PDB file of N, CA and C in Angstrom:
ATOM      1  N   MET A   1       0.845  -1.173   0.000  1.00  0.00           N
ATOM      2  CA  MET A   1       0.000   0.000   0.000  1.00  0.00           C
ATOM      3  C   MET A   1       0.888   1.234   0.000  1.00  0.00           C
ATOM      4  N   GLN A   2       0.518   2.207  -0.816  1.00  0.00           N
ATOM      5  CA  GLN A   2       1.297   3.434  -0.898  1.00  0.00           C
ATOM      6  C   GLN A   2       0.818   4.421   0.156  1.00  0.00           C
ATOM      7  N   SER A   3       1.750   4.962   0.919  1.00  0.00           N
ATOM      8  CA  SER A   3       1.372   5.885   1.986  1.00  0.00           C
ATOM      9  C   SER A   3       0.835   7.202   1.434  1.00  0.00           C
ATOM     10  N   ASP A   4       1.217   7.585   0.209  1.00  0.00           N
ATOM     11  CA  ASP A   4       0.737   8.844  -0.347  1.00  0.00           C
ATOM     12  C   ASP A   4      -0.734   8.762  -0.765  1.00  0.00           C
ATOM     13  N   LYS A   5      -1.325   7.600  -0.776  1.00  0.00           N
ATOM     14  CA  LYS A   5      -2.733   7.444  -1.142  1.00  0.00           C
ATOM     15  C   LYS A   5      -3.639   7.290   0.083  1.00  0.00           C
ATOM     16  N   LEU A   6      -3.072   7.377   1.292  1.00  0.00           N
ATOM     17  CA  LEU A   6      -3.880   7.224   2.492  1.00  0.00           C
ATOM     18  C   LEU A   6      -4.734   8.458   2.770  1.00  0.00           C
ATOM     19  N   PHE A   7      -4.288   9.614   2.339  1.00  0.00           N
ATOM     20  CA  PHE A   7      -5.002  10.851   2.595  1.00  0.00           C
ATOM     21  C   PHE A   7      -5.326  11.535   1.277  1.00  0.00           C
ATOM     22  N   ALA A   8      -6.518  12.099   1.212  1.00  0.00           N
ATOM     23  CA  ALA A   8      -6.957  12.764  -0.014  1.00  0.00           C
ATOM     24  C   ALA A   8      -6.262  14.120  -0.145  1.00  0.00           C
ATOM     25  N   MET A   9      -6.031  14.500  -1.368  1.00  0.00           N
ATOM     26  CA  MET A   9      -5.504  15.830  -1.656  1.00  0.00           C
ATOM     27  C   MET A   9      -6.646  16.834  -1.451  1.00  0.00           C
ATOM     28  N   PRO A  10      -6.336  18.118  -1.253  1.00  0.00           N
ATOM     29  CA  PRO A  10      -7.413  19.096  -1.002  1.00  0.00           C
ATOM     30  C   PRO A  10      -8.510  19.094  -2.065  1.00  0.00           C
ATOM     31  N   GLU A  11      -8.148  19.010  -3.338  1.00  0.00           N
ATOM     32  CA  GLU A  11      -9.179  18.998  -4.381  1.00  0.00           C
ATOM     33  C   GLU A  11     -10.000  17.707  -4.341  1.00  0.00           C
ATOM     34  N   GLU A  12      -9.356  16.603  -3.958  1.00  0.00           N
ATOM     35  CA  GLU A  12     -10.091  15.344  -3.820  1.00  0.00           C
ATOM     36  C   GLU A  12     -11.024  15.405  -2.621  1.00  0.00           C
ATOM     37  N   ASP A  13     -10.574  16.064  -1.555  1.00  0.00           N
ATOM     38  CA  ASP A  13     -11.393  16.197  -0.353  1.00  0.00           C
ATOM     39  C   ASP A  13     -12.673  16.966  -0.671  1.00  0.00           C
ATOM     40  N   THR A  14     -12.562  18.016  -1.465  1.00  0.00           N
ATOM     41  CA  THR A  14     -13.726  18.790  -1.872  1.00  0.00           C
ATOM     42  C   THR A  14     -14.691  17.922  -2.666  1.00  0.00           C
ATOM     43  N   GLN A  15     -14.165  17.148  -3.596  1.00  0.00           N
ATOM     44  CA  GLN A  15     -15.010  16.262  -4.403  1.00  0.00           C
ATOM     45  C   GLN A  15     -15.669  15.189  -3.542  1.00  0.00           C
ATOM     46  N   LEU A  16     -14.921  14.640  -2.590  1.00  0.00           N
ATOM     47  CA  LEU A  16     -15.487  13.617  -1.704  1.00  0.00           C
ATOM     48  C   LEU A  16     -16.629  14.185  -0.872  1.00  0.00           C
ATOM     49  N   LYS A  17     -16.487  15.416  -0.387  1.00  0.00           N
ATOM     50  CA  LYS A  17     -17.563  16.039   0.384  1.00  0.00           C
ATOM     51  C   LYS A  17     -18.802  16.232  -0.479  1.00  0.00           C
ATOM     52  N   LEU A  18     -18.613  16.640  -1.727  1.00  0.00           N
ATOM     53  CA  LEU A  18     -19.742  16.809  -2.643  1.00  0.00           C
ATOM     54  C   LEU A  18     -20.437  15.471  -2.899  1.00  0.00           C
ATOM     55  N   ILE A  19     -19.654  14.427  -3.089  1.00  0.00           N
ATOM     56  CA  ILE A  19     -20.218  13.083  -3.300  1.00  0.00           C
ATOM     57  C   ILE A  19     -20.994  12.639  -2.063  1.00  0.00           C
ATOM     58  N   GLU A  20     -20.455  12.900  -0.880  1.00  0.00           N
ATOM     59  CA  GLU A  20     -21.139  12.527   0.356  1.00  0.00           C
ATOM     60  C   GLU A  20     -22.460  13.279   0.496  1.00  0.00           C
ATOM     61  N   GLU A  21     -22.481  14.572   0.131  1.00  0.00           N
ATOM     62  CA  GLU A  21     -23.727  15.340   0.193  1.00  0.00           C
ATOM     63  C   GLU A  21     -24.766  14.768  -0.764  1.00  0.00           C
ATOM     64  N   LYS A  22     -24.349  14.462  -1.977  1.00  0.00           N
ATOM     65  CA  LYS A  22     -25.275  13.896  -2.961  1.00  0.00           C
ATOM     66  C   LYS A  22     -25.775  12.532  -2.515  1.00  0.00           C
ATOM     67  N   THR A  23     -24.897  11.740  -1.927  1.00  0.00           N
ATOM     68  CA  THR A  23     -25.283  10.424  -1.432  1.00  0.00           C
ATOM     69  C   THR A  23     -26.322  10.556  -0.326  1.00  0.00           C
ATOM     70  N   ALA A  24     -26.132  11.518   0.561  1.00  0.00           N
ATOM     71  CA  ALA A  24     -27.097  11.747   1.640  1.00  0.00           C
ATOM     72  C   ALA A  24     -28.444  12.192   1.060  1.00  0.00           C
ATOM     73  N   ASP A  25     -28.417  13.047   0.030  1.00  0.00           N
ATOM     74  CA  ASP A  25     -29.663  13.470  -0.619  1.00  0.00           C
ATOM     75  C   ASP A  25     -30.398  12.278  -1.215  1.00  0.00           C
ATOM     76  N   VAL A  26     -29.679  11.440  -1.929  1.00  0.00           N
ATOM     77  CA  VAL A  26     -30.290  10.266  -2.564  1.00  0.00           C
ATOM     78  C   VAL A  26     -30.827   9.316  -1.500  1.00  0.00           C
ATOM     79  N   ASP A  27     -30.087   9.130  -0.424  1.00  0.00           N
ATOM     80  CA  ASP A  27     -30.527   8.250   0.656  1.00  0.00           C
ATOM     81  C   ASP A  27     -31.836   8.760   1.265  1.00  0.00           C
ATOM     82  N   GLY A  28     -31.915  10.058   1.501  1.00  0.00           N
ATOM     83  CA  GLY A  28     -33.144  10.637   2.051  1.00  0.00           C
ATOM     84  C   GLY A  28     -34.324  10.479   1.110  1.00  0.00           C
ATOM     85  N   LEU A  29     -34.080  10.712  -0.188  1.00  0.00           N
ATOM     86  CA  LEU A  29     -35.145  10.540  -1.171  1.00  0.00           C
ATOM     87  C   LEU A  29     -35.608   9.094  -1.242  1.00  0.00           C
ATOM     88  N   TYR A  30     -34.676   8.162  -1.177  1.00  0.00           N
ATOM     89  CA  TYR A  30     -35.041   6.739  -1.214  1.00  0.00           C
ATOM     90  C   TYR A  30     -35.880   6.373   0.009  1.00  0.00           C
ATOM     91  N   LYS A  31     -35.485   6.858   1.176  1.00  0.00           N
ATOM     92  CA  LYS A  31     -36.243   6.553   2.394  1.00  0.00           C
ATOM     93  C   LYS A  31     -37.658   7.113   2.314  1.00  0.00           C
ATOM     94  N   ARG A  32     -37.800   8.327   1.757  1.00  0.00           N
ATOM     95  CA  ARG A  32     -39.133   8.903   1.592  1.00  0.00           C
ATOM     96  C   ARG A  32     -39.951   8.098   0.589  1.00  0.00           C
ATOM     97  N   PHE A  33     -39.312   7.630  -0.475  1.00  0.00           N
ATOM     98  CA  PHE A  33     -39.977   6.797  -1.471  1.00  0.00           C
ATOM     99  C   PHE A  33     -40.485   5.509  -0.835  1.00  0.00           C
ATOM    100  N   ARG A  34     -39.629   4.855  -0.056  1.00  0.00           N
ATOM    101  CA  ARG A  34     -40.031   3.607   0.610  1.00  0.00           C
ATOM    102  C   ARG A  34     -41.155   3.865   1.604  1.00  0.00           C
ATOM    103  N   GLN A  35     -41.092   4.977   2.315  1.00  0.00           N
ATOM    104  CA  GLN A  35     -42.153   5.319   3.256  1.00  0.00           C
ATOM    105  C   GLN A  35     -43.469   5.504   2.504  1.00  0.00           C
ATOM    106  N   GLN A  36     -43.411   6.164   1.373  1.00  0.00           N
ATOM    107  CA  GLN A  36     -44.610   6.356   0.545  1.00  0.00           C
ATOM    108  C   GLN A  36     -45.215   5.016   0.158  1.00  0.00           C
ATOM    109  N   GLN A  37     -44.352   4.084  -0.212  1.00  0.00           N
ATOM    110  CA  GLN A  37     -44.841   2.774  -0.645  1.00  0.00           C
ATOM    111  C   GLN A  37     -45.395   1.949   0.503  1.00  0.00           C
ATOM    112  N   THR A  38     -44.712   1.944   1.628  1.00  0.00           N
ATOM    113  CA  THR A  38     -45.058   1.021   2.712  1.00  0.00           C
ATOM    114  C   THR A  38     -46.055   1.582   3.716  1.00  0.00           C
ATOM    115  N   GLU A  39     -45.936   2.862   4.050  1.00  0.00           N
ATOM    116  CA  GLU A  39     -46.815   3.413   5.079  1.00  0.00           C
ATOM    117  C   GLU A  39     -48.065   4.071   4.521  1.00  0.00           C
ATOM    118  N   TYR A  40     -47.958   4.600   3.321  1.00  0.00           N
ATOM    119  CA  TYR A  40     -49.072   5.366   2.784  1.00  0.00           C
ATOM    120  C   TYR A  40     -49.757   4.686   1.606  1.00  0.00           C
ATOM    121  N   GLY A  41     -49.425   3.443   1.344  1.00  0.00           N
ATOM    122  CA  GLY A  41     -50.112   2.682   0.315  1.00  0.00           C
ATOM    123  C   GLY A  41     -49.607   2.885  -1.099  1.00  0.00           C
ATOM    124  N   GLY A  42     -48.680   3.791  -1.280  1.00  0.00           N
ATOM    125  CA  GLY A  42     -48.069   3.961  -2.587  1.00  0.00           C
ATOM    126  C   GLY A  42     -48.902   4.697  -3.614  1.00  0.00           C
ATOM    127  N   GLU A  43     -50.056   5.221  -3.229  1.00  0.00           N
ATOM    128  CA  GLU A  43     -50.898   5.931  -4.186  1.00  0.00           C
ATOM    129  C   GLU A  43     -50.317   7.317  -4.458  1.00  0.00           C
ATOM    130  N   VAL A  44     -50.182   7.627  -5.724  1.00  0.00           N
ATOM    131  CA  VAL A  44     -49.679   8.939  -6.131  1.00  0.00           C
ATOM    132  C   VAL A  44     -50.756   9.621  -6.952  1.00  0.00           C
ATOM    133  N   THR A  45     -51.200  10.761  -6.473  1.00  0.00           N
ATOM    134  CA  THR A  45     -52.251  11.512  -7.163  1.00  0.00           C
ATOM    135  C   THR A  45     -51.607  12.580  -8.054  1.00  0.00           C
ATOM    136  N   PRO A  46     -52.386  13.136  -8.992  1.00  0.00           N
ATOM    137  CA  PRO A  46     -51.839  14.231  -9.807  1.00  0.00           C
ATOM    138  C   PRO A  46     -51.331  15.398  -8.953  1.00  0.00           C
ATOM    139  N   ALA A  47     -51.999  15.658  -7.830  1.00  0.00           N
ATOM    140  CA  ALA A  47     -51.556  16.741  -6.946  1.00  0.00           C
ATOM    141  C   ALA A  47     -50.184  16.428  -6.340  1.00  0.00           C
ATOM    142  N   ASP A  48     -49.922  15.149  -6.085  1.00  0.00           N
ATOM    143  CA  ASP A  48     -48.615  14.755  -5.539  1.00  0.00           C
ATOM    144  C   ASP A  48     -47.487  15.029  -6.520  1.00  0.00           C
ATOM    145  N   LYS A  49     -47.810  15.002  -7.797  1.00  0.00           N
ATOM    146  CA  LYS A  49     -46.787  15.156  -8.829  1.00  0.00           C
ATOM    147  C   LYS A  49     -46.406  16.607  -9.083  1.00  0.00           C
ATOM    148  N   LYS A  50     -47.224  17.535  -8.603  1.00  0.00           N
ATOM    149  CA  LYS A  50     -46.931  18.941  -8.806  1.00  0.00           C
ATOM    150  C   LYS A  50     -45.843  19.365  -7.825  1.00  0.00           C
ATOM    151  N   THR A  51     -44.840  20.011  -8.352  1.00  0.00           N
ATOM    152  CA  THR A  51     -43.771  20.499  -7.490  1.00  0.00           C
ATOM    153  C   THR A  51     -43.621  21.988  -7.689  1.00  0.00           C
ATOM    154  N   THR A  52     -43.155  22.626  -6.663  1.00  0.00           N
ATOM    155  CA  THR A  52     -42.881  24.050  -6.764  1.00  0.00           C
ATOM    156  C   THR A  52     -41.409  24.258  -6.495  1.00  0.00           C
ATOM    157  N   CYS A  53     -40.854  25.198  -7.193  1.00  0.00           N
ATOM    158  CA  CYS A  53     -39.455  25.533  -7.008  1.00  0.00           C
ATOM    159  C   CYS A  53     -39.364  27.037  -6.904  1.00  0.00           C
ATOM    160  N   ARG A  54     -38.796  27.500  -5.827  1.00  0.00           N
ATOM    161  CA  ARG A  54     -38.604  28.939  -5.687  1.00  0.00           C
ATOM    162  C   ARG A  54     -37.564  29.386  -6.696  1.00  0.00           C
ATOM    163  N   SER A  55     -37.861  30.429  -7.404  1.00  0.00           N
ATOM    164  CA  SER A  55     -36.961  30.877  -8.473  1.00  0.00           C
ATOM    165  C   SER A  55     -35.586  31.263  -7.951  1.00  0.00           C
ATOM    166  N   SER A  56     -35.493  31.607  -6.673  1.00  0.00           N
ATOM    167  CA  SER A  56     -34.197  31.998  -6.125  1.00  0.00           C
ATOM    168  C   SER A  56     -33.333  30.794  -5.763  1.00  0.00           C
ATOM    169  N   GLU A  57     -33.925  29.609  -5.716  1.00  0.00           N
ATOM    170  CA  GLU A  57     -33.178  28.413  -5.355  1.00  0.00           C
ATOM    171  C   GLU A  57     -32.622  27.719  -6.601  1.00  0.00           C
ATOM    172  N   LYS A  58     -31.415  27.258  -6.481  1.00  0.00           N
ATOM    173  CA  LYS A  58     -30.840  26.435  -7.536  1.00  0.00           C
ATOM    174  C   LYS A  58     -30.985  24.992  -7.098  1.00  0.00           C
ATOM    175  N   PRO A  59     -31.203  24.075  -8.030  1.00  0.00           N
ATOM    176  CA  PRO A  59     -31.272  22.653  -7.649  1.00  0.00           C
ATOM    177  C   PRO A  59     -29.955  22.226  -7.018  1.00  0.00           C
ATOM    178  N   ARG A  60     -30.040  21.448  -5.954  1.00  0.00           N
ATOM    179  CA  ARG A  60     -28.829  20.974  -5.281  1.00  0.00           C
ATOM    180  C   ARG A  60     -28.161  19.859  -6.038  1.00  0.00           C
ATOM    181  N   MET A  61     -28.969  19.071  -6.724  1.00  0.00           N
ATOM    182  CA  MET A  61     -28.409  17.856  -7.294  1.00  0.00           C
ATOM    183  C   MET A  61     -29.082  17.560  -8.620  1.00  0.00           C
ATOM    184  N   THR A  62     -28.312  17.071  -9.537  1.00  0.00           N
ATOM    185  CA  THR A  62     -28.879  16.566 -10.782  1.00  0.00           C
ATOM    186  C   THR A  62     -28.515  15.102 -10.888  1.00  0.00           C
ATOM    187  N   ILE A  63     -29.465  14.354 -11.349  1.00  0.00           N
ATOM    188  CA  ILE A  63     -29.220  12.910 -11.487  1.00  0.00           C
ATOM    189  C   ILE A  63     -29.302  12.539 -12.942  1.00  0.00           C
TER     190      ILE A  63
END
């Protein structure tokens, strides 16, 4: 094992933090999806599909 690969470089650290944030977002969305399916019967109405986005907010994540 190379000792120079044990610690991330500053630019890699920034990328790793971004990946961790996106992973946490996806994990939360998955948990909400599963809750919808298991606790609420999984029914999705047209009203459920409508989303609002404040124009001042930028999307945090793109998939």
